[in-house]
N, C-alpha and C. Protein backbone atom coordinates (compact mmCIF):
# COMPACT_ATOMS: atom_id res chain seq x y z
N UNK A 1 118.60 173.63 68.19
CA UNK A 1 120.04 173.46 68.24
C UNK A 1 120.36 171.97 68.19
N UNK A 2 121.14 171.54 67.23
CA UNK A 2 121.45 170.12 67.11
C UNK A 2 122.39 169.65 68.23
N UNK A 3 122.19 168.43 68.63
CA UNK A 3 123.01 167.85 69.67
C UNK A 3 124.35 167.40 69.09
N UNK A 4 125.40 167.49 69.88
CA UNK A 4 126.71 167.08 69.40
C UNK A 4 126.87 165.56 69.39
N UNK A 5 125.94 164.85 70.05
CA UNK A 5 126.02 163.39 70.07
C UNK A 5 125.12 162.74 69.03
N UNK A 6 124.41 163.54 68.25
CA UNK A 6 123.49 163.01 67.25
C UNK A 6 124.28 162.59 66.00
N UNK A 7 124.10 161.34 65.58
CA UNK A 7 124.77 160.83 64.39
C UNK A 7 123.78 160.55 63.27
N UNK A 8 122.61 161.14 63.33
CA UNK A 8 121.59 160.86 62.32
C UNK A 8 122.03 161.28 60.92
N UNK A 9 122.80 162.32 60.82
CA UNK A 9 123.22 162.79 59.50
C UNK A 9 124.24 161.86 58.87
N UNK A 10 125.04 161.17 59.67
CA UNK A 10 126.08 160.31 59.12
C UNK A 10 125.72 158.83 59.13
N UNK A 11 124.56 158.47 59.64
CA UNK A 11 124.17 157.06 59.75
C UNK A 11 123.37 156.66 58.53
N UNK A 12 123.79 155.63 57.84
CA UNK A 12 123.16 155.18 56.61
C UNK A 12 122.37 153.90 56.88
N UNK A 13 121.06 154.00 56.88
CA UNK A 13 120.22 152.83 57.15
C UNK A 13 120.28 151.81 56.02
N UNK A 14 120.48 152.27 54.79
CA UNK A 14 120.62 151.34 53.66
C UNK A 14 121.86 150.48 53.81
N UNK A 15 122.94 151.07 54.27
CA UNK A 15 124.17 150.32 54.50
C UNK A 15 123.97 149.29 55.61
N UNK A 16 123.27 149.67 56.65
CA UNK A 16 122.97 148.74 57.72
C UNK A 16 122.14 147.56 57.21
N UNK A 17 121.18 147.83 56.34
CA UNK A 17 120.36 146.76 55.77
C UNK A 17 121.19 145.82 54.91
N UNK A 18 122.13 146.36 54.14
CA UNK A 18 123.00 145.53 53.32
C UNK A 18 123.86 144.62 54.19
N UNK A 19 124.42 145.17 55.24
CA UNK A 19 125.28 144.37 56.11
C UNK A 19 124.47 143.33 56.88
N UNK A 20 123.26 143.69 57.28
CA UNK A 20 122.40 142.72 57.95
C UNK A 20 122.03 141.58 57.00
N UNK A 21 121.87 141.91 55.72
CA UNK A 21 121.56 140.87 54.73
C UNK A 21 122.69 139.84 54.65
N UNK A 22 123.92 140.29 54.77
CA UNK A 22 125.04 139.35 54.76
C UNK A 22 125.05 138.44 55.97
N UNK A 23 124.61 138.97 57.10
CA UNK A 23 124.62 138.17 58.32
C UNK A 23 123.43 137.22 58.36
N UNK A 24 122.27 137.67 57.94
CA UNK A 24 121.06 136.86 58.08
C UNK A 24 120.64 136.15 56.79
N UNK A 25 120.76 136.81 55.66
CA UNK A 25 120.23 136.23 54.42
C UNK A 25 121.08 135.07 53.91
N UNK A 26 122.38 135.18 54.02
CA UNK A 26 123.24 134.11 53.50
C UNK A 26 122.97 132.76 54.17
N UNK A 27 122.88 132.67 55.50
CA UNK A 27 122.54 131.38 56.10
C UNK A 27 121.13 130.90 55.74
N UNK A 28 120.20 131.84 55.59
CA UNK A 28 118.84 131.45 55.20
C UNK A 28 118.80 130.89 53.78
N UNK A 29 119.61 131.44 52.90
CA UNK A 29 119.71 130.91 51.54
C UNK A 29 120.24 129.48 51.57
N UNK A 30 121.26 129.24 52.39
CA UNK A 30 121.82 127.89 52.48
C UNK A 30 120.80 126.91 53.06
N UNK A 31 120.11 127.32 54.10
CA UNK A 31 119.10 126.43 54.70
C UNK A 31 117.97 126.14 53.72
N UNK A 32 117.57 127.13 52.95
CA UNK A 32 116.53 126.92 51.95
C UNK A 32 117.01 125.96 50.86
N UNK A 33 118.24 126.11 50.42
CA UNK A 33 118.78 125.21 49.40
C UNK A 33 118.90 123.78 49.94
N UNK A 34 119.30 123.65 51.18
CA UNK A 34 119.42 122.32 51.78
C UNK A 34 118.06 121.65 51.89
N UNK A 35 117.06 122.40 52.35
CA UNK A 35 115.72 121.84 52.47
C UNK A 35 115.13 121.51 51.10
N UNK A 36 115.39 122.34 50.11
CA UNK A 36 114.92 122.06 48.76
C UNK A 36 115.55 120.78 48.22
N UNK A 37 116.82 120.58 48.51
CA UNK A 37 117.49 119.34 48.09
C UNK A 37 116.87 118.11 48.73
N UNK A 38 116.52 118.21 50.00
CA UNK A 38 115.87 117.08 50.68
C UNK A 38 114.50 116.79 50.10
N UNK A 39 113.75 117.85 49.81
CA UNK A 39 112.40 117.66 49.27
C UNK A 39 112.46 117.06 47.86
N UNK A 40 113.39 117.53 47.05
CA UNK A 40 113.48 117.07 45.66
C UNK A 40 114.25 115.76 45.50
N UNK A 41 114.77 115.21 46.57
CA UNK A 41 115.53 113.95 46.47
C UNK A 41 114.64 112.80 46.00
N UNK A 42 113.39 112.76 46.45
CA UNK A 42 112.49 111.70 46.01
C UNK A 42 112.19 111.81 44.52
N UNK A 43 111.98 113.03 44.03
CA UNK A 43 111.73 113.23 42.61
C UNK A 43 112.97 112.87 41.79
N UNK A 44 114.14 113.19 42.29
CA UNK A 44 115.39 112.85 41.60
C UNK A 44 115.56 111.34 41.51
N UNK A 45 115.19 110.64 42.55
CA UNK A 45 115.29 109.18 42.55
C UNK A 45 114.28 108.57 41.58
N UNK A 46 113.07 109.12 41.54
CA UNK A 46 112.06 108.60 40.61
C UNK A 46 112.47 108.81 39.15
N UNK A 47 113.06 109.95 38.85
CA UNK A 47 113.47 110.26 37.47
C UNK A 47 114.86 109.75 37.14
N UNK A 48 115.59 109.25 38.13
CA UNK A 48 116.97 108.80 37.96
C UNK A 48 117.86 109.93 37.41
N UNK A 49 117.63 111.12 37.90
CA UNK A 49 118.36 112.31 37.46
C UNK A 49 118.74 113.15 38.67
N UNK A 50 119.99 113.52 38.77
CA UNK A 50 120.44 114.35 39.88
C UNK A 50 120.22 115.83 39.63
N UNK A 51 119.73 116.19 38.45
CA UNK A 51 119.55 117.61 38.15
C UNK A 51 118.48 118.25 39.05
N UNK A 52 117.57 117.45 39.58
CA UNK A 52 116.57 117.97 40.51
C UNK A 52 117.23 118.54 41.78
N UNK A 53 118.36 118.01 42.14
CA UNK A 53 119.04 118.46 43.36
C UNK A 53 120.16 119.44 43.04
N UNK A 54 120.83 119.25 41.90
CA UNK A 54 121.97 120.09 41.55
C UNK A 54 121.56 121.51 41.19
N UNK A 55 120.51 121.66 40.40
CA UNK A 55 120.12 122.98 39.90
C UNK A 55 119.76 123.94 41.04
N UNK A 56 118.93 123.56 42.02
CA UNK A 56 118.67 124.51 43.12
C UNK A 56 119.91 124.83 43.95
N UNK A 57 120.80 123.86 44.10
CA UNK A 57 122.02 124.10 44.87
C UNK A 57 122.94 125.08 44.15
N UNK A 58 123.11 124.91 42.85
CA UNK A 58 123.96 125.82 42.09
C UNK A 58 123.31 127.21 42.03
N UNK A 59 121.99 127.26 41.90
CA UNK A 59 121.30 128.55 41.92
C UNK A 59 121.48 129.28 43.23
N UNK A 60 121.37 128.56 44.33
CA UNK A 60 121.56 129.17 45.65
C UNK A 60 123.02 129.60 45.84
N UNK A 61 123.95 128.86 45.27
CA UNK A 61 125.36 129.25 45.33
C UNK A 61 125.58 130.56 44.58
N UNK A 62 124.94 130.72 43.44
CA UNK A 62 125.06 131.97 42.68
C UNK A 62 124.46 133.15 43.46
N UNK A 63 123.33 132.92 44.11
CA UNK A 63 122.73 133.98 44.91
C UNK A 63 123.63 134.33 46.10
N UNK A 64 124.24 133.33 46.71
CA UNK A 64 125.13 133.56 47.84
C UNK A 64 126.37 134.33 47.41
N UNK A 65 126.89 134.04 46.23
CA UNK A 65 128.04 134.80 45.72
C UNK A 65 127.64 136.26 45.49
N UNK A 66 126.40 136.48 45.04
CA UNK A 66 125.90 137.85 44.92
C UNK A 66 125.84 138.55 46.26
N UNK A 67 125.44 137.83 47.30
CA UNK A 67 125.40 138.42 48.65
C UNK A 67 126.81 138.73 49.13
N UNK A 68 127.78 137.88 48.80
CA UNK A 68 129.18 138.14 49.17
C UNK A 68 129.66 139.43 48.51
N UNK A 69 129.37 139.59 47.22
CA UNK A 69 129.79 140.81 46.53
C UNK A 69 129.10 142.04 47.11
N UNK A 70 127.85 141.90 47.46
CA UNK A 70 127.11 143.00 48.08
C UNK A 70 127.71 143.37 49.43
N UNK A 71 128.09 142.37 50.22
CA UNK A 71 128.69 142.63 51.53
C UNK A 71 130.08 143.24 51.40
N UNK A 72 130.84 142.81 50.39
CA UNK A 72 132.17 143.41 50.18
C UNK A 72 132.04 144.88 49.82
N UNK A 73 131.07 145.20 48.99
CA UNK A 73 130.82 146.60 48.62
C UNK A 73 130.35 147.39 49.85
N UNK A 74 129.47 146.78 50.64
CA UNK A 74 128.99 147.45 51.85
C UNK A 74 130.11 147.67 52.86
N UNK A 75 131.01 146.70 52.98
CA UNK A 75 132.14 146.86 53.91
C UNK A 75 133.04 148.00 53.47
N UNK A 76 133.29 148.10 52.17
CA UNK A 76 134.13 149.20 51.67
C UNK A 76 133.45 150.55 51.93
N UNK A 77 132.13 150.61 51.74
CA UNK A 77 131.40 151.85 52.02
C UNK A 77 131.46 152.20 53.50
N UNK A 78 131.31 151.20 54.35
CA UNK A 78 131.33 151.45 55.80
C UNK A 78 132.71 151.89 56.26
N UNK A 79 133.76 151.30 55.71
CA UNK A 79 135.12 151.68 56.10
C UNK A 79 135.46 153.08 55.61
N UNK A 80 134.96 153.44 54.44
CA UNK A 80 135.26 154.77 53.89
C UNK A 80 134.47 155.87 54.60
N UNK A 81 133.28 155.55 55.07
CA UNK A 81 132.44 156.57 55.70
C UNK A 81 132.80 156.82 57.15
N UNK A 82 133.60 155.98 57.73
CA UNK A 82 134.01 156.10 59.14
C UNK A 82 132.83 156.11 60.08
N UNK A 83 131.82 155.39 59.73
CA UNK A 83 130.67 155.23 60.63
C UNK A 83 130.99 154.10 61.59
N UNK A 84 130.15 153.86 62.57
CA UNK A 84 130.44 152.77 63.50
C UNK A 84 130.12 151.39 62.93
N UNK A 85 130.07 151.25 61.62
CA UNK A 85 129.68 149.99 61.00
C UNK A 85 130.81 149.14 60.40
N UNK A 86 132.09 149.55 60.41
CA UNK A 86 133.10 148.69 59.78
C UNK A 86 133.21 147.30 60.41
N UNK A 87 133.06 147.18 61.71
CA UNK A 87 133.12 145.86 62.33
C UNK A 87 131.95 145.00 61.88
N UNK A 88 130.78 145.60 61.80
CA UNK A 88 129.62 144.87 61.31
C UNK A 88 129.84 144.46 59.86
N UNK A 89 130.51 145.30 59.09
CA UNK A 89 130.85 144.96 57.72
C UNK A 89 131.80 143.77 57.64
N UNK A 90 132.77 143.72 58.54
CA UNK A 90 133.69 142.59 58.58
C UNK A 90 132.96 141.30 58.94
N UNK A 91 132.06 141.39 59.89
CA UNK A 91 131.30 140.20 60.30
C UNK A 91 130.40 139.73 59.16
N UNK A 92 129.74 140.67 58.48
CA UNK A 92 128.86 140.31 57.37
C UNK A 92 129.64 139.68 56.23
N UNK A 93 130.79 140.24 55.91
CA UNK A 93 131.61 139.69 54.83
C UNK A 93 132.13 138.31 55.20
N UNK A 94 132.58 138.13 56.43
CA UNK A 94 133.08 136.83 56.87
C UNK A 94 131.96 135.78 56.88
N UNK A 95 130.78 136.16 57.35
CA UNK A 95 129.66 135.23 57.40
C UNK A 95 129.23 134.82 55.99
N UNK A 96 129.13 135.78 55.09
CA UNK A 96 128.69 135.44 53.74
C UNK A 96 129.75 134.62 53.00
N UNK A 97 131.03 134.89 53.24
CA UNK A 97 132.08 134.07 52.64
C UNK A 97 132.05 132.64 53.17
N UNK A 98 131.83 132.51 54.47
CA UNK A 98 131.75 131.18 55.07
C UNK A 98 130.57 130.40 54.51
N UNK A 99 129.43 131.04 54.36
CA UNK A 99 128.25 130.38 53.82
C UNK A 99 128.46 130.02 52.35
N UNK A 100 129.16 130.87 51.59
CA UNK A 100 129.47 130.54 50.19
C UNK A 100 130.35 129.29 50.13
N UNK A 101 131.29 129.18 51.05
CA UNK A 101 132.13 127.98 51.11
C UNK A 101 131.31 126.75 51.48
N UNK A 102 130.39 126.90 52.41
CA UNK A 102 129.51 125.79 52.80
C UNK A 102 128.60 125.40 51.65
N UNK A 103 128.10 126.40 50.90
CA UNK A 103 127.26 126.10 49.73
C UNK A 103 128.05 125.33 48.68
N UNK A 104 129.29 125.72 48.46
CA UNK A 104 130.13 125.00 47.48
C UNK A 104 130.36 123.57 47.95
N UNK A 105 130.58 123.38 49.24
CA UNK A 105 130.77 122.03 49.77
C UNK A 105 129.47 121.22 49.68
N UNK A 106 128.33 121.89 49.84
CA UNK A 106 127.05 121.20 49.74
C UNK A 106 126.76 120.76 48.31
N UNK A 107 127.35 121.42 47.34
CA UNK A 107 127.13 121.07 45.94
C UNK A 107 127.94 119.84 45.52
N UNK A 108 128.92 119.47 46.31
CA UNK A 108 129.76 118.32 45.95
C UNK A 108 128.96 117.02 46.01
N UNK A 109 128.13 116.86 47.02
CA UNK A 109 127.36 115.62 47.18
C UNK A 109 126.48 115.29 45.99
N UNK A 110 125.61 116.19 45.55
CA UNK A 110 124.79 115.89 44.38
C UNK A 110 125.59 115.67 43.11
N UNK A 111 126.75 116.28 43.01
CA UNK A 111 127.58 116.08 41.81
C UNK A 111 128.24 114.71 41.78
N UNK A 112 128.58 114.19 42.95
CA UNK A 112 129.33 112.93 43.02
C UNK A 112 128.41 111.71 43.11
N UNK A 113 127.33 111.84 43.88
CA UNK A 113 126.47 110.68 44.11
C UNK A 113 125.50 110.43 42.96
N UNK A 114 125.03 109.20 42.88
CA UNK A 114 123.99 108.84 41.91
C UNK A 114 122.65 109.34 42.44
N UNK A 115 121.62 109.21 41.63
CA UNK A 115 120.31 109.79 41.97
C UNK A 115 119.69 109.14 43.21
N UNK A 116 119.82 107.86 43.41
CA UNK A 116 119.16 107.21 44.55
C UNK A 116 120.11 106.81 45.66
N UNK A 117 121.29 107.36 45.71
CA UNK A 117 122.25 107.00 46.76
C UNK A 117 121.96 107.71 48.04
């Protein structure tokens, strides 16, 4: 006899993984892009080219925008399913949007500065 408090049939683990990706993966992408920029700064100065720093930053921004779109889709799924995950969806969407904004702001420095500045 199934329990009336069991939510196993309505709980979507894939949706939870998507929302967790927005909360955890987006900041990790930004930290990885920032560290990559620091590591490649010496190579950029040696070559007198800022593309060593700009390309990984723009690539990470594109990946972060993909995470934002994934979180928006996950939030819509969570709100439509009436599971206990809509708040987590809001947090994931807000976190990924904030990190996308931070990534865009991080891309300004390599675009404006010279290679060895």
